[in-house]
Amino acid sequence: METGGFRRRPALPFGVEALDSRLASGGLRLDALHEVAAIGTDMADDCAATLFLAGIAARAWGPVLWVVRRRDLFAPGLSQVGLSHKRLIYAEAGDDAELLAIMEEGLRHRGLGAVIGEARRADMTATRRLQLAAEGGRTIALLMRRPAREGSDPLAAPSAAVTRWRVASAPSTPLPVEGVGRPRWRLELVRQKGGEGFVMEVEASDETGRCALPAPMADRKAVAGGSASRRAA
């Protein structure tokens, strides 16, 4: 799409206005590489980051290639955030170099809705290759960055990714009766091309892959919107 000489990139919105409005593309660019890392080293944060990726892929348009180094993905967990096992294609790589090469090949195929990989080491050259492979298509590239060594920051190294996120588990939404509420995630957008970073807490993806604002935040936004409308009137 051309707008005044500017080609609008295809994007995949989260469906949460407060989140999409802070992203330069109104969502996640489909023809681009996006990186995600768990904020902490515990299992809860790792699961939150993995399910965040799965929820994004669930909202993409076609089959999903997920490249792993070890067979530890739990299909029923992925289906809870909308990513059916029927859409998944698994590939196992022996090392990060092979994993990144498989991702690149998948992106160039143009027949996939999303390509996901999990790597400890991916330098600027490798991420640039993934970004170039994604450009011009509608296959979103999602790279889970894991620490290269214990205690290191997975997002410390430079990257060609269009967005870079940190994800953590947050306390569940409280219920009016005894029970476990909908999980929450703390999202930190560390970097985005053409925009600023931010921190936001959301309710985890549901069975359609969509996250949501926690009720108190959504209520405050609705009240603020109503007040603005009354002032405009």
Protein backbone atom coordinates (compact mmCIF):
# COMPACT_ATOMS: atom_id res chain seq x y z
CA MET A 1 0.00 0.00 0.00
CA GLU A 2 1.33 3.43 -1.01
CA THR A 3 0.45 6.52 1.04
CA GLY A 4 1.96 9.77 -0.19
CA GLY A 5 5.00 7.92 -1.52
CA PHE A 6 5.37 5.90 1.69
CA ARG A 7 4.77 2.16 1.52
CA ARG A 8 2.76 1.02 4.51
CA ARG A 9 4.12 -2.21 5.92
CA PRO A 10 1.68 -5.05 6.71
CA ALA A 11 1.18 -5.39 10.47
CA LEU A 12 -0.37 -7.83 12.93
CA PRO A 13 -2.20 -5.86 15.66
CA PHE A 14 -2.57 -7.17 19.20
CA GLY A 15 -6.17 -5.98 19.26
CA VAL A 16 -5.47 -3.90 22.37
CA GLU A 17 -5.70 -0.22 21.45
CA ALA A 18 -3.51 0.92 24.35
CA LEU A 19 -0.77 -1.42 23.08
CA ASP A 20 -1.17 -1.07 19.32
CA SER A 21 -1.27 2.74 19.52
CA ARG A 22 2.24 2.75 21.00
CA LEU A 23 3.69 0.61 18.23
CA ALA A 24 5.04 2.47 15.20
CA SER A 25 3.26 0.12 12.77
CA GLY A 26 0.01 -0.13 14.75
CA GLY A 27 0.99 -3.69 15.60
CA LEU A 28 3.89 -6.01 14.83
CA ARG A 29 5.24 -5.72 11.30
CA LEU A 30 4.59 -8.98 9.45
CA ASP A 31 7.60 -8.61 7.17
CA ALA A 32 10.08 -8.24 10.00
CA LEU A 33 12.07 -9.87 12.78
CA HIS A 34 10.93 -9.44 16.39
CA GLU A 35 12.92 -10.64 19.40
CA VAL A 36 11.64 -11.74 22.81
CA ALA A 37 13.48 -12.67 26.00
CA ALA A 38 12.30 -13.67 29.45
CA ILE A 39 13.02 -10.97 32.04
CA GLY A 40 14.13 -13.49 34.66
CA THR A 41 15.62 -16.95 34.68
CA ASP A 42 12.80 -18.80 36.43
CA MET A 43 10.33 -21.11 34.72
CA ALA A 44 7.37 -18.73 35.10
CA ASP A 45 9.07 -15.96 33.12
CA ASP A 46 10.31 -18.42 30.49
CA CYS A 47 6.79 -19.82 30.04
CA ALA A 48 5.35 -16.30 29.82
CA ALA A 49 7.80 -15.37 27.05
CA THR A 50 7.11 -18.61 25.16
CA LEU A 51 3.34 -18.17 25.37
CA PHE A 52 3.65 -14.52 24.33
CA LEU A 53 5.32 -15.73 21.13
CA ALA A 54 2.73 -18.48 20.65
CA GLY A 55 -0.13 -15.99 21.02
CA ILE A 56 1.39 -13.80 18.30
CA ALA A 57 1.80 -16.80 15.99
CA ALA A 58 -1.77 -17.90 16.72
CA ARG A 59 -3.06 -14.66 15.20
CA ALA A 60 -0.91 -15.01 12.08
CA TRP A 61 -2.52 -16.29 8.89
CA GLY A 62 -1.07 -19.74 8.15
CA PRO A 63 1.13 -22.65 9.22
CA VAL A 64 3.76 -21.96 11.88
CA LEU A 65 7.32 -23.29 11.75
CA TRP A 66 8.87 -23.60 15.23
CA VAL A 67 12.58 -24.44 15.28
CA VAL A 68 13.98 -25.77 18.56
CA ARG A 69 17.25 -27.03 20.01
CA ARG A 70 15.51 -29.34 22.45
CA ARG A 71 12.10 -30.99 22.45
CA ASP A 72 10.49 -29.20 25.38
CA LEU A 73 7.48 -27.46 23.83
CA PHE A 74 4.18 -28.45 25.47
CA ALA A 75 1.53 -28.53 22.75
CA PRO A 76 -1.52 -28.37 25.10
CA GLY A 77 -0.06 -25.21 26.64
CA LEU A 78 0.36 -23.62 23.23
CA SER A 79 -3.23 -24.47 22.30
CA GLN A 80 -4.46 -22.60 25.38
CA VAL A 81 -3.23 -19.37 23.76
CA GLY A 82 -4.75 -20.25 20.39
CA LEU A 83 -1.91 -22.04 18.61
CA SER A 84 -3.31 -25.39 17.50
CA HIS A 85 -0.97 -28.33 17.01
CA LYS A 86 -2.56 -28.76 13.57
CA ARG A 87 -0.86 -25.54 12.42
CA LEU A 88 2.54 -26.36 13.89
CA ILE A 89 5.54 -27.66 11.99
CA TYR A 90 8.46 -28.59 14.25
CA ALA A 91 12.11 -28.64 13.24
CA GLU A 92 14.99 -29.61 15.50
CA ALA A 93 18.42 -28.03 15.01
CA GLY A 94 21.76 -29.25 16.29
CA ASP A 95 23.12 -25.78 17.06
CA ASP A 96 22.25 -22.10 16.77
CA ALA A 97 23.80 -21.75 13.31
CA GLU A 98 21.61 -24.54 11.92
CA LEU A 99 18.56 -23.13 13.72
CA LEU A 100 19.04 -19.69 12.19
CA ALA A 101 19.58 -21.21 8.73
CA ILE A 102 16.31 -23.17 9.00
CA MET A 103 14.50 -20.00 10.09
CA GLU A 104 15.89 -18.10 7.11
CA GLU A 105 14.82 -20.84 4.70
CA GLY A 106 11.33 -20.85 6.23
CA LEU A 107 10.99 -17.09 5.86
CA ARG A 108 12.02 -17.21 2.20
CA HIS A 109 9.46 -19.96 1.52
CA ARG A 110 6.59 -17.42 1.75
CA GLY A 111 4.09 -20.16 2.57
CA LEU A 112 4.19 -19.81 6.36
CA GLY A 113 2.36 -17.43 8.66
CA ALA A 114 5.14 -17.33 11.25
CA VAL A 115 8.64 -18.69 11.81
CA ILE A 116 9.81 -19.04 15.41
CA GLY A 117 13.22 -20.01 16.74
CA GLU A 118 15.05 -20.10 20.08
CA ALA A 119 18.74 -19.20 20.08
CA ARG A 120 21.49 -18.31 22.53
CA ARG A 121 23.79 -16.72 19.98
CA ALA A 122 22.64 -14.63 17.03
CA ASP A 123 24.88 -11.73 16.02
CA MET A 124 24.04 -8.69 13.92
CA THR A 125 24.86 -10.51 10.68
CA ALA A 126 22.55 -13.41 11.53
CA THR A 127 19.66 -11.17 12.59
CA ARG A 128 20.16 -9.00 9.52
CA ARG A 129 19.84 -12.09 7.32
CA LEU A 130 16.56 -12.99 9.05
CA GLN A 131 15.26 -9.44 8.65
CA LEU A 132 16.13 -9.41 4.94
CA ALA A 133 14.52 -12.84 4.47
CA ALA A 134 11.29 -11.57 6.05
CA GLU A 135 11.09 -8.29 4.11
CA GLY A 136 8.61 -8.20 1.25
CA GLY A 137 6.55 -11.11 2.57
CA ARG A 138 3.82 -11.74 5.15
CA THR A 139 5.68 -14.22 7.34
CA ILE A 140 6.48 -12.80 10.76
CA ALA A 141 9.87 -13.80 12.22
CA LEU A 142 9.97 -14.37 15.98
CA LEU A 143 13.24 -15.10 17.76
CA MET A 144 13.34 -16.16 21.42
CA ARG A 145 16.67 -14.94 22.78
CA ARG A 146 18.13 -17.06 25.57
CA PRO A 147 21.19 -16.09 27.67
CA ALA A 148 24.47 -17.03 25.99
CA ARG A 149 25.83 -17.77 29.45
CA GLU A 150 24.46 -17.73 32.98
CA GLY A 151 23.67 -14.22 34.18
CA SER A 152 24.08 -12.57 30.77
CA ASP A 153 21.46 -10.32 29.16
CA PRO A 154 19.97 -12.00 26.06
CA LEU A 155 19.23 -8.59 24.51
CA ALA A 156 22.61 -6.98 25.22
CA ALA A 157 24.05 -7.73 21.78
CA PRO A 158 23.08 -5.47 18.84
CA SER A 159 20.39 -6.80 16.53
CA ALA A 160 18.55 -5.94 13.31
CA ALA A 161 15.19 -6.82 14.90
CA VAL A 162 12.44 -4.23 14.42
CA THR A 163 11.17 -4.77 17.98
CA ARG A 164 12.83 -6.28 21.06
CA TRP A 165 10.74 -7.35 24.06
CA ARG A 166 11.27 -8.58 27.60
CA VAL A 167 8.43 -10.59 29.14
CA ALA A 168 7.77 -11.60 32.73
CA SER A 169 5.01 -13.38 34.59
CA ALA A 170 2.91 -11.11 36.83
CA PRO A 171 0.35 -11.86 39.58
CA SER A 172 -2.94 -13.19 38.20
CA THR A 173 -6.06 -11.10 37.92
CA PRO A 174 -7.93 -11.44 41.27
CA LEU A 175 -11.31 -13.17 41.18
CA PRO A 176 -14.42 -12.26 43.21
CA VAL A 177 -14.52 -15.89 44.38
CA GLU A 178 -11.76 -18.28 45.39
CA GLY A 179 -9.76 -19.56 42.44
CA VAL A 180 -7.00 -18.77 39.99
CA GLY A 181 -7.54 -15.73 37.77
CA ARG A 182 -6.33 -15.10 34.24
CA PRO A 183 -2.52 -14.91 34.15
CA ARG A 184 -0.85 -11.56 33.58
CA TRP A 185 2.33 -10.62 31.78
CA ARG A 186 4.63 -7.66 32.21
CA LEU A 187 5.71 -6.53 28.75
CA GLU A 188 8.74 -4.31 28.29
CA LEU A 189 9.36 -3.04 24.77
CA VAL A 190 13.10 -2.43 24.97
CA ARG A 191 13.43 -1.07 21.44
CA GLN A 192 11.34 -0.46 18.36
CA LYS A 193 12.30 0.97 15.02
CA GLY A 194 10.60 4.33 14.54
CA GLY A 195 9.17 4.54 18.05
CA GLU A 196 9.83 4.58 21.77
CA GLY A 197 9.98 1.81 24.32
CA PHE A 198 7.44 1.30 27.09
CA VAL A 199 6.33 -1.03 29.87
CA MET A 200 2.80 -2.38 30.13
CA GLU A 201 0.99 -5.07 32.10
CA VAL A 202 -1.55 -7.17 30.21
CA GLU A 203 -3.69 -10.22 30.76
CA ALA A 204 -2.20 -13.25 29.04
CA SER A 205 -3.39 -14.42 25.64
CA ASP A 206 -6.69 -16.27 25.58
CA GLU A 207 -7.73 -19.18 23.36
CA THR A 208 -7.80 -16.86 20.34
CA GLY A 209 -4.25 -15.59 20.94
CA ARG A 210 -5.42 -12.18 22.14
CA CYS A 211 -4.22 -10.49 25.30
CA ALA A 212 -6.21 -7.79 27.11
CA LEU A 213 -5.82 -4.91 29.51
CA PRO A 214 -6.45 -5.80 33.16
CA ALA A 215 -9.95 -4.64 34.14
CA PRO A 216 -8.92 -1.64 36.32
CA MET A 217 -6.72 -0.28 33.50
CA ALA A 218 -9.45 -0.82 30.90
CA ASP A 219 -12.00 0.92 33.15
CA ARG A 220 -9.69 3.92 33.65
CA LYS A 221 -9.16 4.16 29.88
CA ALA A 222 -12.93 4.05 29.27
CA VAL A 223 -13.54 6.80 31.83
CA ALA A 224 -10.77 8.93 30.35
CA GLY A 225 -12.23 8.47 26.88
CA GLY A 226 -15.69 9.43 28.10
CA SER A 227 -14.37 12.56 29.79
CA ALA A 228 -12.54 13.58 26.62
CA SER A 229 -15.72 13.12 24.59
CA ARG A 230 -17.72 15.27 27.00
CA ARG A 231 -15.07 18.01 26.89
CA ALA A 232 -15.11 17.93 23.09
CA ALA A 233 -18.91 18.26 23.13
